[in-house]
Protein backbone atom coordinates (compact mmCIF):
# COMPACT_ATOMS: atom_id res chain seq x y z
CA MET A 1 -41.49 7.29 48.49
CA SER A 2 -44.04 6.49 51.17
CA GLU A 3 -42.81 5.13 54.46
CA ALA A 4 -45.15 2.12 54.15
CA PHE A 5 -43.70 1.22 50.73
CA ALA A 6 -40.14 1.54 52.05
CA ASP A 7 -40.97 -0.65 55.06
CA LEU A 8 -42.64 -3.34 52.95
CA VAL A 9 -39.96 -3.70 50.30
CA GLY A 10 -37.21 -3.21 52.87
CA SER A 11 -38.30 -6.39 54.62
CA LEU A 12 -37.99 -8.58 51.49
CA ASP A 13 -34.18 -9.07 51.57
CA PRO A 14 -33.78 -10.12 47.92
CA ALA A 15 -30.89 -12.13 46.55
CA LEU A 16 -28.31 -10.01 44.74
CA VAL A 17 -26.91 -10.94 41.33
CA ILE A 18 -24.26 -9.63 38.98
CA VAL A 19 -25.44 -8.77 35.48
CA THR A 20 -22.81 -8.68 32.74
CA THR A 21 -23.02 -7.69 29.10
CA ALA A 22 -20.79 -6.59 26.26
CA LEU A 23 -20.88 -4.81 22.94
CA ASP A 24 -18.10 -4.43 20.40
CA GLY A 25 -15.49 -5.53 22.96
CA GLU A 26 -16.74 -3.17 25.68
CA ARG A 27 -17.55 -5.19 28.81
CA ALA A 28 -19.88 -4.02 31.55
CA GLY A 29 -21.31 -5.45 34.75
CA CYS A 30 -23.03 -4.38 37.93
CA LEU A 31 -24.56 -5.66 41.14
CA VAL A 32 -28.35 -5.88 40.80
CA GLY A 33 -31.08 -6.27 43.39
CA PHE A 34 -34.06 -5.90 41.06
CA HIS A 35 -34.53 -9.12 39.08
CA ALA A 36 -37.13 -11.86 38.69
CA GLN A 37 -38.43 -14.74 36.62
CA SER A 38 -41.20 -13.32 34.46
CA SER A 39 -42.47 -16.34 32.49
CA ILE A 40 -42.39 -20.13 32.68
CA ASP A 41 -43.14 -20.97 29.05
CA PRO A 42 -41.35 -19.50 27.28
CA ALA A 43 -38.64 -19.08 29.92
CA ARG A 44 -38.13 -15.36 30.59
CA TYR A 45 -36.16 -13.43 33.19
CA CYS A 46 -36.09 -9.68 33.84
CA VAL A 47 -33.42 -7.43 35.30
CA TRP A 48 -33.74 -3.77 36.16
CA LEU A 49 -30.61 -1.65 35.64
CA SER A 50 -29.93 1.77 37.12
CA LYS A 51 -29.75 4.49 34.50
CA ALA A 52 -26.78 5.97 36.38
CA ASN A 53 -24.56 2.96 35.60
CA HIS A 54 -22.09 2.30 32.81
CA THR A 55 -23.74 -1.12 32.47
CA TYR A 56 -27.04 0.52 31.56
CA ARG A 57 -25.42 2.49 28.73
CA VAL A 58 -23.83 -0.65 27.26
CA ALA A 59 -27.01 -2.67 27.86
CA GLN A 60 -29.13 -0.30 25.79
CA ARG A 61 -27.33 -1.58 22.70
CA SER A 62 -26.51 -5.16 23.78
CA THR A 63 -28.39 -8.24 22.69
CA HIS A 64 -27.22 -10.70 25.37
CA PHE A 65 -26.74 -10.64 29.13
CA ALA A 66 -25.63 -12.97 31.89
CA VAL A 67 -27.24 -13.05 35.32
CA HIS A 68 -24.78 -14.51 37.84
CA LEU A 69 -26.33 -15.80 41.06
CA LEU A 70 -24.06 -14.96 43.97
CA SER A 71 -23.53 -17.20 46.96
CA ALA A 72 -23.09 -15.97 50.51
CA ALA A 73 -19.32 -16.43 49.99
CA ASP A 74 -19.17 -13.98 47.03
CA THR A 75 -18.78 -10.80 49.07
CA GLU A 76 -15.68 -9.62 47.20
CA LEU A 77 -17.35 -9.99 43.80
CA ALA A 78 -20.41 -8.15 45.10
CA LYS A 79 -18.15 -5.38 46.38
CA ARG A 80 -16.27 -5.11 43.07
CA PHE A 81 -19.39 -4.98 40.89
CA GLY A 82 -21.45 -2.96 43.36
CA THR A 83 -19.07 -0.23 44.52
CA LEU A 84 -16.77 0.44 41.56
CA SER A 85 -17.88 2.39 38.52
CA GLY A 86 -17.28 0.97 35.06
CA ASP A 87 -16.88 4.59 33.97
CA GLU A 88 -13.61 4.67 35.92
CA VAL A 89 -12.25 1.11 36.13
CA ASP A 90 -12.30 -2.21 34.29
CA LYS A 91 -14.25 -4.37 36.75
CA PHE A 92 -13.11 -7.50 34.90
CA ALA A 93 -9.36 -6.82 35.28
CA GLY A 94 -7.75 -9.73 37.11
CA LEU A 95 -10.90 -11.89 37.05
CA ASP A 96 -11.21 -15.21 35.27
CA PHE A 97 -14.07 -15.15 32.78
CA THR A 98 -15.13 -16.76 29.53
CA GLU A 99 -16.77 -14.96 26.65
CA GLY A 100 -20.27 -16.28 26.04
CA ASP A 101 -22.90 -15.41 23.43
CA ALA A 102 -22.23 -12.00 21.82
CA GLY A 103 -19.05 -11.64 23.90
CA VAL A 104 -20.87 -11.52 27.25
CA PRO A 105 -18.39 -12.10 30.10
CA LEU A 106 -19.27 -15.22 32.11
CA LEU A 107 -17.60 -15.03 35.50
CA ASP A 108 -15.77 -18.30 36.17
CA ASP A 109 -16.21 -17.88 39.93
CA CYS A 110 -20.02 -17.76 39.52
CA PRO A 111 -21.09 -21.08 37.98
CA ARG A 112 -24.78 -20.46 38.75
CA ARG A 113 -25.98 -18.23 35.93
CA LEU A 114 -28.54 -17.51 33.26
CA VAL A 115 -27.66 -16.30 29.79
CA LEU A 116 -30.36 -14.13 28.26
CA ARG A 117 -31.15 -12.79 24.82
CA ARG A 118 -32.92 -9.47 25.09
CA VAL A 119 -36.53 -9.52 23.89
CA ALA A 120 -37.73 -6.20 25.32
CA LEU A 121 -36.54 -3.08 27.08
CA LEU A 122 -39.01 -1.06 29.13
CA ASP A 123 -38.26 2.50 30.19
CA GLU A 124 -41.30 3.96 31.93
CA GLY A 125 -39.43 7.01 33.21
CA SER A 126 -38.13 5.83 36.58
CA ASP A 127 -34.50 5.58 37.68
CA HIS A 128 -34.20 1.97 36.40
CA VAL A 129 -34.92 0.31 33.06
CA CYS A 130 -36.32 -3.23 32.73
CA ILE A 131 -34.72 -5.69 30.34
CA SER A 132 -36.72 -8.82 29.61
CA GLY A 133 -34.69 -11.72 28.30
CA ALA A 134 -35.31 -15.11 26.77
CA VAL A 135 -33.30 -17.70 28.66
CA VAL A 136 -30.84 -19.23 26.18
CA ALA A 137 -28.78 -21.10 28.81
CA ALA A 138 -29.02 -21.93 32.49
CA HIS A 139 -26.16 -23.34 34.55
CA GLY A 140 -26.18 -24.41 38.18
CA ASP A 141 -24.37 -26.63 40.62
CA GLY A 142 -27.01 -27.49 43.16
CA ASP A 143 -28.22 -25.81 46.32
CA PHE A 144 -26.49 -22.73 47.63
CA GLN A 145 -27.06 -19.89 50.05
CA PRO A 146 -27.68 -16.71 48.02
CA PHE A 147 -25.93 -13.44 48.78
CA ARG A 148 -28.71 -11.18 50.07
CA LEU A 149 -29.23 -7.45 50.32
CA SER A 150 -28.90 -7.64 54.12
CA GLN A 151 -25.32 -8.88 53.64
CA ALA A 152 -24.43 -5.86 51.47
CA GLY A 153 -25.32 -3.18 54.00
CA ASP A 154 -21.82 -1.69 54.06
CA LEU A 155 -21.45 -1.46 50.26
CA ARG A 156 -21.82 1.99 48.69
CA ALA A 157 -22.85 2.15 45.04
CA GLY A 158 -20.40 3.47 42.46
CA HIS A 159 -23.11 5.93 41.32
CA ALA A 160 -26.07 7.45 43.12
CA SER A 161 -29.43 7.03 41.37
CA GLU A 162 -29.60 10.81 40.96
CA GLU A 163 -26.58 10.65 38.61
CA ARG A 164 -28.68 9.40 35.70
CA PRO A 165 -28.81 11.53 32.57
CA MET A 166 -31.28 14.38 32.67
CA PRO A 167 -33.85 15.37 31.74
CA PRO A 168 -35.67 12.16 32.64
CA THR A 169 -38.08 10.71 30.14
CA GLU A 170 -41.80 11.22 30.64
CA ARG A 171 -43.10 9.83 33.88
CA ALA A 172 -45.86 7.24 33.96
CA ASP A 173 -47.39 8.73 37.12
């Protein structure tokens, strides 16, 4: 990666979210920094998941997802979903959650969320895959201070990006 690219994107300080999904009773979730609104009408939202994560493997087959917007006070949830691996632990153990559409876990402590129905999955060969979703529900409780990447500096991911399955798919270079 070029130094200029790293400097530019490093200055953005995006909000972090937790993405959850489920399939056949298997729950998954991870801390995500790559996400964005991608359409106004119809309402669409995209998330990019690391191919190294358990969540990615469940998400490949899932139809619904939840994007939980974290507040500045949600450090412990960010730590749980960002540093533990779903390959090794149940990240939902001891948490209060409700099952939403298609069994997607909705974290009770994160009332600001989007529920998405997958409309497309894009894998162009990088270390992340893009999931585009139709917004089927949006819940919020007013203004809040988002939990940002700069606040997560001491968190270490449960998997390194190099841990994704190999060989990688064709590159779009």
